[in-house]
């Protein structure tokens, strides 16, 4: 599954692992703001790496959690979804706006095969990336280079190089990000 090969999503072990992650997400999503120690404990159990420094605003949803590999101080704003059938690697200091969706899972085009099998492609996001909210979607297999910015509501279907501002549906590079870009 994590190698991108066809697999049976109804496999008993995979179902058990998804139930584990969903139970952890449900517990996390039920915490209150002041329950910081309990939130941190859940995040450290849920994520494959980085639960000790991630800042996450519930609700949050994922398939497995263990395939989410975070760098230092990653931020997930509210309502983010990560379908981590394949690895999702996220660099240090990366920010996800509200309702960002990260999908590694995909399905065969053949309808008969699609009934019983699916596959996934890993997603790699560099350090210091900002993915704007508004339901931005990262599709299976994309790579986003370090320090890039993805506009709100974008649908990323192909790789985005480092140091670029990209937006749209489908997402395309608009211009390089300049040092000092900010309010004017």
N, C-alpha and C. Protein backbone atom coordinates (compact mmCIF):
# COMPACT_ATOMS: atom_id res chain seq x y z
N UNK A 1 0.82 -1.19 0.00
CA UNK A 1 0.00 0.00 0.00
C UNK A 1 0.87 1.26 0.00
N UNK A 2 1.80 1.37 0.95
CA UNK A 2 2.62 2.57 1.05
C UNK A 2 3.63 2.68 -0.10
N UNK A 3 3.84 1.60 -0.85
CA UNK A 3 4.73 1.62 -2.01
C UNK A 3 3.99 2.02 -3.30
N UNK A 4 2.68 2.29 -3.19
CA UNK A 4 1.92 2.70 -4.36
C UNK A 4 1.35 1.55 -5.17
N UNK A 5 1.38 0.34 -4.62
CA UNK A 5 0.84 -0.81 -5.33
C UNK A 5 -0.66 -0.94 -5.03
N UNK A 6 -1.37 -1.63 -5.92
CA UNK A 6 -2.79 -1.90 -5.67
C UNK A 6 -2.94 -2.68 -4.37
N UNK A 7 -3.96 -2.35 -3.60
CA UNK A 7 -4.21 -3.06 -2.35
C UNK A 7 -5.70 -3.13 -2.11
N UNK A 8 -6.08 -4.00 -1.20
CA UNK A 8 -7.49 -4.18 -0.81
C UNK A 8 -7.78 -3.31 0.40
N UNK A 9 -8.57 -2.24 0.25
CA UNK A 9 -8.84 -1.37 1.39
C UNK A 9 -9.69 -2.02 2.47
N UNK A 10 -10.25 -3.19 2.17
CA UNK A 10 -11.08 -3.90 3.15
C UNK A 10 -10.29 -4.92 3.94
N UNK A 11 -8.99 -4.99 3.72
CA UNK A 11 -8.12 -5.88 4.48
C UNK A 11 -8.31 -5.62 5.97
N UNK A 12 -8.46 -6.67 6.76
CA UNK A 12 -8.79 -6.55 8.19
C UNK A 12 -7.77 -5.70 8.95
N UNK A 13 -6.49 -5.86 8.66
CA UNK A 13 -5.47 -5.09 9.37
C UNK A 13 -5.56 -3.60 9.02
N UNK A 14 -5.81 -3.29 7.75
CA UNK A 14 -5.96 -1.90 7.35
C UNK A 14 -7.20 -1.26 7.98
N UNK A 15 -8.28 -2.01 8.03
CA UNK A 15 -9.50 -1.51 8.68
C UNK A 15 -9.23 -1.23 10.15
N UNK A 16 -8.51 -2.14 10.82
CA UNK A 16 -8.17 -1.94 12.23
C UNK A 16 -7.33 -0.67 12.42
N UNK A 17 -6.35 -0.46 11.55
CA UNK A 17 -5.49 0.71 11.66
C UNK A 17 -6.26 2.01 11.38
N UNK A 18 -7.19 1.98 10.43
CA UNK A 18 -8.03 3.17 10.17
C UNK A 18 -8.94 3.46 11.36
N UNK A 19 -9.50 2.41 11.95
CA UNK A 19 -10.35 2.62 13.14
C UNK A 19 -9.54 3.23 14.28
N UNK A 20 -8.31 2.77 14.45
CA UNK A 20 -7.43 3.33 15.49
C UNK A 20 -7.24 4.83 15.26
N UNK A 21 -6.89 5.21 14.02
CA UNK A 21 -6.66 6.63 13.71
C UNK A 21 -7.94 7.44 13.88
N UNK A 22 -9.04 6.91 13.46
CA UNK A 22 -10.31 7.65 13.59
C UNK A 22 -10.71 7.81 15.04
N UNK A 23 -10.45 6.79 15.85
CA UNK A 23 -10.72 6.93 17.29
C UNK A 23 -9.83 8.00 17.91
N UNK A 24 -8.55 8.02 17.53
CA UNK A 24 -7.64 9.06 18.04
C UNK A 24 -8.08 10.45 17.58
N UNK A 25 -8.49 10.57 16.31
CA UNK A 25 -8.98 11.86 15.82
C UNK A 25 -10.24 12.28 16.56
N UNK A 26 -11.11 11.34 16.79
CA UNK A 26 -12.35 11.67 17.53
C UNK A 26 -12.01 12.15 18.94
N UNK A 27 -11.09 11.48 19.61
CA UNK A 27 -10.67 11.91 20.95
C UNK A 27 -10.03 13.30 20.89
N UNK A 28 -9.17 13.53 19.90
CA UNK A 28 -8.52 14.82 19.73
C UNK A 28 -9.55 15.91 19.46
N UNK A 29 -10.48 15.63 18.58
CA UNK A 29 -11.49 16.62 18.21
C UNK A 29 -12.44 16.94 19.35
N UNK A 30 -12.52 16.07 20.35
CA UNK A 30 -13.40 16.30 21.50
C UNK A 30 -12.70 17.08 22.62
N UNK A 31 -11.39 17.33 22.47
CA UNK A 31 -10.69 18.04 23.54
C UNK A 31 -11.05 19.52 23.52
N UNK A 32 -10.89 20.14 24.67
CA UNK A 32 -11.09 21.58 24.80
C UNK A 32 -9.72 22.27 24.73
N UNK A 33 -9.75 23.58 24.47
CA UNK A 33 -8.51 24.36 24.33
C UNK A 33 -7.55 24.17 25.51
N UNK A 34 -8.07 24.12 26.71
CA UNK A 34 -7.21 24.05 27.90
C UNK A 34 -6.59 22.67 28.11
N UNK A 35 -7.00 21.69 27.33
CA UNK A 35 -6.51 20.32 27.52
C UNK A 35 -5.23 20.07 26.71
N UNK A 36 -4.26 20.93 26.87
CA UNK A 36 -3.06 20.89 26.05
C UNK A 36 -2.24 19.62 26.23
N UNK A 37 -2.14 19.13 27.46
CA UNK A 37 -1.37 17.90 27.68
C UNK A 37 -2.02 16.70 27.01
N UNK A 38 -3.34 16.60 27.09
CA UNK A 38 -4.06 15.50 26.44
C UNK A 38 -3.96 15.62 24.93
N UNK A 39 -4.07 16.82 24.39
CA UNK A 39 -3.92 17.02 22.95
C UNK A 39 -2.54 16.57 22.50
N UNK A 40 -1.51 16.99 23.22
CA UNK A 40 -0.14 16.63 22.83
C UNK A 40 0.05 15.12 22.89
N UNK A 41 -0.47 14.46 23.91
CA UNK A 41 -0.36 13.01 24.02
C UNK A 41 -1.00 12.33 22.80
N UNK A 42 -2.19 12.77 22.43
CA UNK A 42 -2.88 12.18 21.28
C UNK A 42 -2.12 12.42 19.98
N UNK A 43 -1.59 13.60 19.81
CA UNK A 43 -0.84 13.93 18.59
C UNK A 43 0.43 13.09 18.47
N UNK A 44 1.08 12.84 19.59
CA UNK A 44 2.30 12.02 19.57
C UNK A 44 1.99 10.56 19.24
N UNK A 45 0.82 10.09 19.64
CA UNK A 45 0.42 8.72 19.31
C UNK A 45 -0.08 8.64 17.86
N UNK A 46 -0.76 9.67 17.40
CA UNK A 46 -1.38 9.65 16.07
C UNK A 46 -0.36 9.72 14.94
N UNK A 47 0.54 10.69 14.98
CA UNK A 47 1.43 10.94 13.85
C UNK A 47 2.66 10.04 13.86
N UNK A 48 3.14 9.71 12.66
CA UNK A 48 4.35 8.91 12.53
C UNK A 48 5.58 9.64 13.02
N UNK A 49 5.57 10.97 12.89
CA UNK A 49 6.67 11.81 13.38
C UNK A 49 6.16 13.24 13.50
N UNK A 50 6.62 13.96 14.51
CA UNK A 50 6.33 15.37 14.64
C UNK A 50 5.20 15.75 15.55
N UNK A 51 4.58 14.77 16.19
CA UNK A 51 3.48 15.07 17.09
C UNK A 51 3.90 15.88 18.30
N UNK A 52 5.19 15.91 18.58
CA UNK A 52 5.68 16.64 19.75
C UNK A 52 5.74 18.15 19.54
N UNK A 53 5.75 18.63 18.27
CA UNK A 53 5.83 20.07 18.05
C UNK A 53 4.72 20.62 17.15
N UNK A 54 3.88 19.76 16.59
CA UNK A 54 2.81 20.23 15.71
C UNK A 54 1.83 21.10 16.48
N UNK A 55 1.29 22.12 15.80
CA UNK A 55 0.19 22.89 16.36
C UNK A 55 -1.00 22.60 15.48
N UNK A 56 -2.05 22.07 16.09
CA UNK A 56 -3.21 21.61 15.34
C UNK A 56 -4.47 22.15 15.99
N UNK A 57 -5.30 22.78 15.18
CA UNK A 57 -6.59 23.29 15.65
C UNK A 57 -7.67 22.32 15.19
N UNK A 58 -8.27 21.56 16.12
CA UNK A 58 -9.32 20.62 15.71
C UNK A 58 -10.53 21.34 15.11
N UNK A 59 -11.33 20.65 14.32
CA UNK A 59 -11.23 19.22 14.05
C UNK A 59 -10.19 18.90 12.98
N UNK A 60 -9.70 17.67 13.05
CA UNK A 60 -8.71 17.13 12.13
C UNK A 60 -9.10 15.69 11.84
N UNK A 61 -8.88 15.25 10.61
CA UNK A 61 -9.22 13.89 10.22
C UNK A 61 -8.10 13.30 9.37
N UNK A 62 -7.82 11.99 9.56
CA UNK A 62 -6.85 11.29 8.72
C UNK A 62 -7.22 9.83 8.62
N UNK A 63 -6.58 9.12 7.68
CA UNK A 63 -6.83 7.69 7.51
C UNK A 63 -6.04 6.84 8.48
N UNK A 64 -4.74 7.09 8.59
CA UNK A 64 -3.87 6.24 9.40
C UNK A 64 -3.05 7.03 10.42
N UNK A 65 -2.66 8.22 10.10
CA UNK A 65 -1.83 9.02 11.00
C UNK A 65 -0.37 8.63 10.99
N UNK A 66 -0.10 7.35 11.05
CA UNK A 66 1.28 6.85 11.10
C UNK A 66 2.07 7.19 9.85
N UNK A 67 1.39 7.46 8.73
CA UNK A 67 2.06 7.80 7.48
C UNK A 67 2.23 9.31 7.31
N UNK A 68 1.91 10.08 8.34
CA UNK A 68 2.10 11.53 8.32
C UNK A 68 3.39 11.82 9.07
N UNK A 69 4.38 12.33 8.34
CA UNK A 69 5.71 12.56 8.89
C UNK A 69 5.98 14.06 8.87
N UNK A 70 5.93 14.68 10.03
CA UNK A 70 6.00 16.13 10.16
C UNK A 70 7.39 16.58 10.58
N UNK A 71 7.79 17.73 10.03
CA UNK A 71 8.98 18.41 10.52
C UNK A 71 8.60 19.18 11.78
N UNK A 72 9.47 20.08 12.18
CA UNK A 72 9.26 20.89 13.38
C UNK A 72 8.20 21.96 13.13
N UNK A 73 7.34 22.15 14.12
CA UNK A 73 6.40 23.27 14.17
C UNK A 73 5.51 23.43 12.94
N UNK A 74 4.93 22.33 12.49
CA UNK A 74 3.94 22.37 11.43
C UNK A 74 2.62 22.83 12.04
N UNK A 75 1.83 23.61 11.28
CA UNK A 75 0.53 24.10 11.73
C UNK A 75 -0.57 23.58 10.84
N UNK A 76 -1.58 22.96 11.44
CA UNK A 76 -2.82 22.59 10.75
C UNK A 76 -3.93 23.43 11.36
N UNK A 77 -4.56 24.30 10.57
CA UNK A 77 -5.71 25.04 11.05
C UNK A 77 -6.92 24.10 11.04
N UNK A 78 -8.07 24.59 11.44
CA UNK A 78 -9.25 23.73 11.63
C UNK A 78 -9.74 23.10 10.32
N UNK A 79 -10.36 21.94 10.49
CA UNK A 79 -11.02 21.21 9.40
C UNK A 79 -10.09 20.66 8.34
N UNK A 80 -8.85 20.37 8.67
CA UNK A 80 -7.94 19.76 7.70
C UNK A 80 -8.17 18.25 7.64
N UNK A 81 -7.95 17.69 6.44
CA UNK A 81 -8.10 16.25 6.19
C UNK A 81 -6.83 15.78 5.49
N UNK A 82 -6.22 14.70 6.01
CA UNK A 82 -5.05 14.10 5.38
C UNK A 82 -5.34 12.61 5.18
N UNK A 83 -5.55 12.20 3.94
CA UNK A 83 -5.75 10.79 3.63
C UNK A 83 -4.39 10.19 3.32
N UNK A 84 -3.77 9.67 4.38
CA UNK A 84 -2.36 9.25 4.36
C UNK A 84 -2.20 7.76 4.10
N UNK A 85 -2.72 7.29 2.99
CA UNK A 85 -2.53 5.89 2.61
C UNK A 85 -1.06 5.66 2.26
N UNK A 86 -0.47 6.61 1.56
CA UNK A 86 0.98 6.63 1.29
C UNK A 86 1.58 7.71 2.18
N UNK A 87 2.90 7.75 2.31
CA UNK A 87 3.52 8.76 3.18
C UNK A 87 3.21 10.19 2.74
N UNK A 88 2.96 11.03 3.74
CA UNK A 88 2.84 12.48 3.56
C UNK A 88 3.96 13.08 4.39
N UNK A 89 4.96 13.63 3.71
CA UNK A 89 6.12 14.21 4.38
C UNK A 89 6.01 15.72 4.31
N UNK A 90 6.08 16.37 5.46
CA UNK A 90 5.87 17.81 5.55
C UNK A 90 7.05 18.44 6.27
N UNK A 91 7.66 19.44 5.63
CA UNK A 91 8.85 20.08 6.17
C UNK A 91 8.55 21.03 7.32
N UNK A 92 9.63 21.44 7.98
CA UNK A 92 9.57 22.34 9.14
C UNK A 92 8.81 23.62 8.80
N UNK A 93 8.07 24.13 9.78
CA UNK A 93 7.44 25.44 9.72
C UNK A 93 6.45 25.61 8.57
N UNK A 94 5.83 24.52 8.16
CA UNK A 94 4.83 24.58 7.09
C UNK A 94 3.47 24.86 7.70
N UNK A 95 2.67 25.68 7.00
CA UNK A 95 1.36 26.12 7.49
C UNK A 95 0.26 25.65 6.55
N UNK A 96 -0.81 25.09 7.14
CA UNK A 96 -2.00 24.70 6.38
C UNK A 96 -3.17 25.53 6.87
N UNK A 97 -3.81 26.26 5.97
CA UNK A 97 -4.98 27.04 6.33
C UNK A 97 -6.19 26.15 6.59
N UNK A 98 -7.32 26.76 6.94
CA UNK A 98 -8.53 25.99 7.23
C UNK A 98 -8.99 25.16 6.03
N UNK A 99 -9.44 23.97 6.32
CA UNK A 99 -10.10 23.07 5.36
C UNK A 99 -9.19 22.58 4.24
N UNK A 100 -7.87 22.59 4.45
CA UNK A 100 -6.96 22.02 3.45
C UNK A 100 -7.14 20.51 3.44
N UNK A 101 -7.10 19.94 2.24
CA UNK A 101 -7.26 18.50 2.08
C UNK A 101 -6.06 17.93 1.34
N UNK A 102 -5.47 16.88 1.91
CA UNK A 102 -4.27 16.26 1.35
C UNK A 102 -4.62 14.80 1.05
N UNK A 103 -4.62 14.44 -0.22
CA UNK A 103 -5.05 13.10 -0.64
C UNK A 103 -3.91 12.32 -1.27
N UNK A 104 -3.48 11.24 -0.65
CA UNK A 104 -2.53 10.35 -1.32
C UNK A 104 -3.26 9.23 -2.04
N UNK A 105 -4.44 8.89 -1.60
CA UNK A 105 -5.18 7.75 -2.14
C UNK A 105 -5.82 8.13 -3.48
N UNK A 106 -5.84 7.15 -4.39
CA UNK A 106 -6.52 7.31 -5.66
C UNK A 106 -7.07 5.94 -6.08
N UNK A 107 -7.76 5.91 -7.19
CA UNK A 107 -8.47 4.69 -7.58
C UNK A 107 -8.20 4.36 -9.04
N UNK A 108 -8.22 3.07 -9.39
CA UNK A 108 -8.05 2.69 -10.79
C UNK A 108 -9.17 3.27 -11.65
N UNK A 109 -8.87 3.56 -12.91
CA UNK A 109 -9.91 4.03 -13.82
C UNK A 109 -10.86 2.91 -14.21
N UNK A 110 -10.37 1.67 -14.22
CA UNK A 110 -11.20 0.51 -14.55
C UNK A 110 -12.22 0.26 -13.45
N UNK A 111 -13.51 0.31 -13.79
CA UNK A 111 -14.58 0.21 -12.80
C UNK A 111 -14.56 -1.12 -12.05
N UNK A 112 -14.30 -2.22 -12.76
CA UNK A 112 -14.28 -3.53 -12.10
C UNK A 112 -13.18 -3.61 -11.06
N UNK A 113 -12.00 -3.14 -11.39
CA UNK A 113 -10.87 -3.15 -10.46
C UNK A 113 -11.12 -2.18 -9.31
N UNK A 114 -11.76 -1.06 -9.61
CA UNK A 114 -12.02 -0.04 -8.60
C UNK A 114 -12.94 -0.54 -7.49
N UNK A 115 -13.73 -1.57 -7.75
CA UNK A 115 -14.63 -2.12 -6.74
C UNK A 115 -13.89 -2.75 -5.56
N UNK A 116 -12.68 -3.25 -5.82
CA UNK A 116 -11.97 -4.00 -4.78
C UNK A 116 -10.56 -3.52 -4.50
N UNK A 117 -10.05 -2.59 -5.30
CA UNK A 117 -8.66 -2.18 -5.14
C UNK A 117 -8.55 -0.66 -5.24
N UNK A 118 -7.51 -0.14 -4.59
CA UNK A 118 -7.12 1.25 -4.75
C UNK A 118 -5.61 1.32 -4.63
N UNK A 119 -5.05 2.49 -4.85
CA UNK A 119 -3.61 2.67 -4.69
C UNK A 119 -3.36 4.10 -4.25
N UNK A 120 -2.11 4.41 -3.96
CA UNK A 120 -1.78 5.73 -3.45
C UNK A 120 -0.44 6.19 -3.98
N UNK A 121 -0.25 7.52 -3.93
CA UNK A 121 1.02 8.12 -4.32
C UNK A 121 1.44 9.07 -3.21
N UNK A 122 2.69 9.02 -2.78
CA UNK A 122 3.15 9.87 -1.67
C UNK A 122 3.11 11.36 -2.03
N UNK A 123 2.99 12.18 -1.01
CA UNK A 123 3.02 13.64 -1.16
C UNK A 123 4.19 14.16 -0.33
N UNK A 124 4.95 15.07 -0.93
CA UNK A 124 6.12 15.65 -0.26
C UNK A 124 5.99 17.17 -0.29
N UNK A 125 6.01 17.77 0.88
CA UNK A 125 5.87 19.21 1.02
C UNK A 125 7.12 19.75 1.72
N UNK A 126 7.77 20.70 1.11
CA UNK A 126 9.01 21.24 1.65
C UNK A 126 8.81 22.08 2.90
N UNK A 127 9.90 22.62 3.41
CA UNK A 127 9.85 23.44 4.62
C UNK A 127 9.36 24.84 4.28
N UNK A 128 8.75 25.50 5.27
CA UNK A 128 8.28 26.88 5.15
C UNK A 128 7.26 27.08 4.03
N UNK A 129 6.50 26.06 3.71
CA UNK A 129 5.42 26.18 2.72
C UNK A 129 4.18 26.69 3.43
N UNK A 130 3.37 27.47 2.72
CA UNK A 130 2.07 27.91 3.23
C UNK A 130 1.02 27.49 2.21
N UNK A 131 0.10 26.63 2.65
CA UNK A 131 -1.02 26.20 1.82
C UNK A 131 -2.24 26.96 2.34
N UNK A 132 -2.74 27.89 1.53
CA UNK A 132 -3.88 28.70 1.94
C UNK A 132 -5.12 27.86 2.15
N UNK A 133 -6.04 28.39 2.90
CA UNK A 133 -7.26 27.66 3.25
C UNK A 133 -8.27 27.64 2.12
N UNK A 134 -9.53 27.71 2.52
CA UNK A 134 -10.60 27.73 1.54
C UNK A 134 -10.74 26.43 0.79
N UNK A 135 -10.33 25.34 1.42
CA UNK A 135 -10.49 24.04 0.79
C UNK A 135 -9.44 23.72 -0.25
N UNK A 136 -8.24 24.27 -0.14
CA UNK A 136 -7.17 23.89 -1.05
C UNK A 136 -6.99 22.37 -1.00
N UNK A 137 -6.73 21.78 -2.16
CA UNK A 137 -6.61 20.32 -2.28
C UNK A 137 -5.26 19.98 -2.88
N UNK A 138 -4.54 19.07 -2.23
CA UNK A 138 -3.29 18.52 -2.77
C UNK A 138 -3.58 17.11 -3.25
N UNK A 139 -3.43 16.86 -4.54
CA UNK A 139 -3.75 15.57 -5.14
C UNK A 139 -2.60 14.57 -5.00
N UNK A 140 -2.90 13.27 -5.19
CA UNK A 140 -1.90 12.24 -5.00
C UNK A 140 -0.63 12.47 -5.82
N UNK A 141 0.51 12.28 -5.16
CA UNK A 141 1.80 12.30 -5.82
C UNK A 141 2.45 13.65 -6.00
N UNK A 142 1.83 14.74 -5.55
CA UNK A 142 2.43 16.05 -5.80
C UNK A 142 3.57 16.33 -4.83
N UNK A 143 4.46 17.21 -5.29
CA UNK A 143 5.57 17.72 -4.48
C UNK A 143 5.47 19.24 -4.53
N UNK A 144 5.63 19.84 -3.36
CA UNK A 144 5.64 21.30 -3.28
C UNK A 144 6.98 21.70 -2.71
N UNK A 145 7.71 22.52 -3.45
CA UNK A 145 9.05 22.93 -3.06
C UNK A 145 9.05 23.88 -1.89
N UNK A 146 10.18 23.94 -1.21
CA UNK A 146 10.36 24.77 -0.02
C UNK A 146 9.99 26.22 -0.29
N UNK A 147 9.40 26.84 0.71
CA UNK A 147 9.07 28.26 0.74
C UNK A 147 8.00 28.68 -0.26
N UNK A 148 7.35 27.75 -0.90
CA UNK A 148 6.29 28.10 -1.84
C UNK A 148 5.00 28.41 -1.10
N UNK A 149 4.11 29.12 -1.79
CA UNK A 149 2.80 29.50 -1.26
C UNK A 149 1.75 29.02 -2.24
N UNK A 150 0.75 28.30 -1.72
CA UNK A 150 -0.36 27.81 -2.53
C UNK A 150 -1.59 28.63 -2.16
N UNK A 151 -2.20 29.28 -3.15
CA UNK A 151 -3.35 30.15 -2.91
C UNK A 151 -4.57 29.39 -2.39
N UNK A 152 -5.38 30.09 -1.63
CA UNK A 152 -6.61 29.51 -1.07
C UNK A 152 -7.48 28.94 -2.18
N UNK A 153 -8.07 27.78 -1.93
CA UNK A 153 -8.99 27.16 -2.86
C UNK A 153 -8.34 26.49 -4.05
N UNK A 154 -7.03 26.44 -4.11
CA UNK A 154 -6.33 25.84 -5.25
C UNK A 154 -6.46 24.32 -5.25
N UNK A 155 -6.35 23.73 -6.43
CA UNK A 155 -6.32 22.28 -6.58
C UNK A 155 -4.98 21.94 -7.23
N UNK A 156 -4.07 21.40 -6.42
CA UNK A 156 -2.70 21.12 -6.87
C UNK A 156 -2.68 19.72 -7.49
N UNK A 157 -2.49 19.67 -8.80
CA UNK A 157 -2.48 18.41 -9.53
C UNK A 157 -1.11 18.02 -10.04
N UNK A 158 -0.15 18.96 -9.97
CA UNK A 158 1.23 18.67 -10.40
C UNK A 158 2.21 19.40 -9.49
N UNK A 159 3.46 19.03 -9.60
CA UNK A 159 4.50 19.58 -8.72
C UNK A 159 4.61 21.09 -8.85
N UNK A 160 4.92 21.73 -7.73
CA UNK A 160 5.18 23.17 -7.66
C UNK A 160 6.63 23.34 -7.20
N UNK A 161 7.46 24.05 -7.98
CA UNK A 161 8.86 24.24 -7.59
C UNK A 161 8.99 25.09 -6.33
N UNK A 162 10.18 25.11 -5.78
CA UNK A 162 10.48 25.92 -4.59
C UNK A 162 10.34 27.41 -4.92
N UNK A 163 10.01 28.18 -3.89
CA UNK A 163 10.00 29.64 -3.95
C UNK A 163 9.02 30.22 -4.97
N UNK A 164 7.84 29.59 -5.10
CA UNK A 164 6.85 30.05 -6.07
C UNK A 164 5.51 30.31 -5.37
N UNK A 165 4.78 31.29 -5.90
CA UNK A 165 3.38 31.47 -5.54
C UNK A 165 2.58 30.82 -6.64
N UNK A 166 1.70 29.89 -6.27
CA UNK A 166 0.89 29.16 -7.24
C UNK A 166 -0.56 29.16 -6.77
N UNK A 167 -1.48 29.22 -7.71
CA UNK A 167 -2.90 29.26 -7.34
C UNK A 167 -3.74 28.80 -8.52
N UNK A 168 -5.00 28.49 -8.23
CA UNK A 168 -5.98 28.19 -9.26
C UNK A 168 -6.42 26.74 -9.27
N UNK A 169 -7.32 26.45 -10.22
CA UNK A 169 -7.85 25.11 -10.43
C UNK A 169 -7.87 24.85 -11.93
N UNK A 170 -6.87 24.08 -12.43
CA UNK A 170 -5.78 23.49 -11.66
C UNK A 170 -4.76 24.55 -11.25
N UNK A 171 -4.06 24.25 -10.17
CA UNK A 171 -3.06 25.17 -9.63
C UNK A 171 -1.91 25.32 -10.62
N UNK A 172 -1.48 26.57 -10.83
CA UNK A 172 -0.35 26.83 -11.70
C UNK A 172 0.53 27.90 -11.06
N UNK A 173 1.79 27.91 -11.43
CA UNK A 173 2.72 28.90 -10.91
C UNK A 173 2.31 30.27 -11.44
N UNK A 174 2.19 31.24 -10.53
CA UNK A 174 1.84 32.62 -10.89
C UNK A 174 3.10 33.47 -11.00
N UNK A 175 3.97 33.36 -9.97
CA UNK A 175 5.21 34.16 -9.97
C UNK A 175 6.11 33.65 -8.86
N UNK A 176 7.39 34.04 -8.90
CA UNK A 176 8.28 33.70 -7.79
C UNK A 176 7.86 34.46 -6.52
N UNK A 177 8.14 33.86 -5.38
CA UNK A 177 7.94 34.54 -4.10
C UNK A 177 9.21 35.36 -3.85
N UNK A 178 9.03 36.62 -3.57
CA UNK A 178 10.16 37.51 -3.32
C UNK A 178 10.40 37.66 -1.84
N UNK A 179 11.66 37.74 -1.44
CA UNK A 179 11.97 38.02 -0.04
C UNK A 179 11.36 39.38 0.30
N UNK A 180 10.70 39.44 1.42
CA UNK A 180 10.07 40.69 1.83
C UNK A 180 8.62 40.82 1.34
N UNK A 181 8.09 39.80 0.59
CA UNK A 181 6.68 39.85 0.21
C UNK A 181 5.84 39.93 1.48
N UNK A 182 4.92 40.81 1.54
CA UNK A 182 4.06 40.97 2.70
C UNK A 182 3.18 42.18 2.52
N UNK A 183 2.56 42.63 3.58
CA UNK A 183 1.66 43.78 3.47
C UNK A 183 2.40 45.00 2.95
N UNK A 184 1.74 45.74 2.14
CA UNK A 184 2.34 46.95 1.57
C UNK A 184 1.54 48.16 1.99
